[in-house]
Amino acid sequence: QVQLVESGGGLVQAGGSLRLSCAVSISISILSRNAMGWYRQAPGKQRELVAAIISSGSPNYADSVKGRFTISRDWAKNTLNLQMNSLKPEDTAVYYCKVGLYGTDYWGKGTLVTVSS
C-alpha cells in the first residue's frame, strides 16, 4: 500500500507561482522505474495528465503547461514536486499525484489550485 499526500495548493493571481509537493509513504527510489506524475481535474472536466516522469527519462508535459511547469523528484525528502510558474486562470483545478507499483496505481486526495484573473 502506497500513500500519497499532496500539499502546496492555494489561491494565486494570474502570473504567479505555486509549488506542489506530494509526500510518498515509501521510498521513491522503489517507484522510480514506473511513471510518477501529476494530474489535474477542473470542474466539469475529465482528469488530465499534467506532467510525468519515468526513471531517468525526460519528463513529459501537457502542451498547455510546457515551459511553465516543471516536475521533479526530491530523493532526500521522498517527494514528487511540481513547480508551476506563469499561472493562468485555466490552470484552476484539483491537482493529484499518481504513482504505480506492481501494476497498481495509487492516487493522492488532491490539492486545490485556484488562479484568479
Protein backbone atom coordinates (compact mmCIF):
# COMPACT_ATOMS: atom_id res chain seq x y z
CA GLN A 1 0.00 0.00 0.00
CA VAL A 2 1.35 3.39 -1.02
CA GLN A 3 0.01 6.59 0.49
CA LEU A 4 0.32 9.94 -1.20
CA VAL A 5 -0.37 13.33 0.34
CA GLU A 6 -0.38 16.46 -1.82
CA SER A 7 0.24 19.94 -0.47
CA GLY A 8 1.03 23.44 -1.70
CA GLY A 9 -2.20 24.38 -3.37
CA GLY A 10 -3.95 27.66 -2.79
CA LEU A 11 -5.21 30.87 -4.32
CA VAL A 12 -2.86 32.82 -6.55
CA GLN A 13 -3.22 35.65 -9.04
CA ALA A 14 -2.62 35.07 -12.73
CA GLY A 15 1.08 35.21 -13.49
CA GLY A 16 2.01 33.93 -10.07
CA SER A 17 3.70 30.72 -8.98
CA LEU A 18 2.99 27.76 -6.73
CA ARG A 19 4.99 24.69 -5.83
CA LEU A 20 3.08 21.49 -5.22
CA SER A 21 4.56 18.64 -3.28
CA CYS A 22 3.48 15.02 -3.00
CA ALA A 23 4.76 13.13 0.02
CA VAL A 24 5.15 9.43 -0.68
CA SER A 25 4.93 6.81 2.07
CA ILE A 26 7.60 4.55 0.58
CA SER A 27 10.96 5.29 -0.96
CA ILE A 28 10.50 6.89 -4.36
CA SER A 29 13.61 5.05 -5.49
CA ILE A 30 11.42 1.92 -5.49
CA LEU A 31 8.80 3.70 -7.58
CA SER A 32 11.13 5.45 -9.96
CA ARG A 33 11.07 2.64 -12.52
CA ASN A 34 7.39 3.36 -13.03
CA ALA A 35 5.73 6.54 -14.12
CA MET A 36 5.17 9.14 -11.45
CA GLY A 37 3.02 12.04 -12.39
CA TRP A 38 0.75 14.96 -11.68
CA TYR A 39 -2.80 15.13 -12.98
CA ARG A 40 -5.50 17.73 -12.63
CA GLN A 41 -9.24 17.91 -12.82
CA ALA A 42 -11.08 21.13 -13.42
CA PRO A 43 -14.79 21.49 -12.57
CA GLY A 44 -16.92 19.72 -15.14
CA LYS A 45 -13.92 18.27 -16.95
CA GLN A 46 -12.13 14.96 -17.07
CA ARG A 47 -8.93 14.36 -15.19
CA GLU A 48 -5.93 15.04 -17.41
CA LEU A 49 -2.21 14.42 -17.30
CA VAL A 50 -0.14 17.49 -16.45
CA ALA A 51 3.37 16.06 -16.17
CA ALA A 52 5.00 12.67 -15.73
CA ILE A 53 8.46 11.29 -15.24
CA ILE A 54 9.80 7.74 -15.64
CA SER A 55 13.12 6.51 -14.30
CA SER A 56 15.90 8.67 -15.72
CA GLY A 57 13.97 9.61 -18.83
CA SER A 58 12.92 13.07 -19.84
CA PRO A 59 9.73 14.36 -18.28
CA ASN A 60 6.57 14.60 -20.35
CA TYR A 61 4.31 17.63 -20.15
CA ALA A 62 0.89 18.51 -21.43
CA ASP A 63 1.16 21.05 -24.22
CA SER A 64 -0.81 23.54 -22.16
CA VAL A 65 1.87 23.66 -19.42
CA LYS A 66 5.11 23.24 -21.37
CA GLY A 67 7.61 25.92 -20.49
CA ARG A 68 5.69 26.90 -17.36
CA PHE A 69 5.59 23.79 -15.17
CA THR A 70 8.47 21.61 -14.02
CA ILE A 71 8.16 18.16 -12.44
CA SER A 72 10.92 16.91 -10.17
CA ARG A 73 11.74 14.35 -7.51
CA ASP A 74 13.38 15.09 -4.19
CA TRP A 75 15.13 11.86 -3.22
CA ALA A 76 16.07 13.13 0.22
CA LYS A 77 12.58 14.29 1.14
CA ASN A 78 10.87 11.46 -0.73
CA THR A 79 8.58 13.80 -2.60
CA LEU A 80 7.34 14.37 -6.12
CA ASN A 81 7.11 18.08 -6.86
CA LEU A 82 5.50 20.35 -9.42
CA GLN A 83 6.77 23.90 -9.83
CA MET A 84 4.12 25.98 -11.54
CA ASN A 85 5.03 29.38 -12.94
CA SER A 86 3.14 31.93 -15.01
CA LEU A 87 -0.14 30.51 -13.80
CA LYS A 88 -3.29 31.16 -15.78
CA PRO A 89 -6.96 31.03 -14.73
CA GLU A 90 -7.35 27.91 -16.87
CA ASP A 91 -4.87 26.14 -14.59
CA THR A 92 -7.51 26.20 -11.86
CA ALA A 93 -8.17 22.61 -10.83
CA VAL A 94 -7.63 19.97 -8.19
CA TYR A 95 -4.15 18.58 -8.68
CA TYR A 96 -3.41 14.92 -7.92
CA CYS A 97 -0.22 12.93 -7.86
CA LYS A 98 -0.13 9.35 -9.02
CA VAL A 99 2.43 6.60 -8.77
CA GLY A 100 2.44 3.00 -9.94
CA LEU A 101 3.76 -0.06 -8.18
CA TYR A 102 3.43 -3.71 -9.21
CA GLY A 103 0.65 -2.91 -11.65
CA THR A 104 -1.42 -0.86 -9.23
CA ASP A 105 -1.94 2.89 -9.49
CA TYR A 106 -2.06 4.93 -6.32
CA TRP A 107 -3.58 8.40 -6.08
CA GLY A 108 -3.49 11.15 -3.53
CA LYS A 109 -6.61 13.03 -2.46
CA GLY A 110 -5.59 16.15 -4.32
CA THR A 111 -4.83 19.79 -3.60
CA LEU A 112 -6.87 22.69 -4.96
CA VAL A 113 -5.21 25.35 -7.07
CA THR A 114 -7.23 28.44 -7.85
CA VAL A 115 -5.86 31.10 -10.20
CA SER A 116 -7.68 34.42 -10.22
CA SER A 117 -7.66 36.76 -13.21
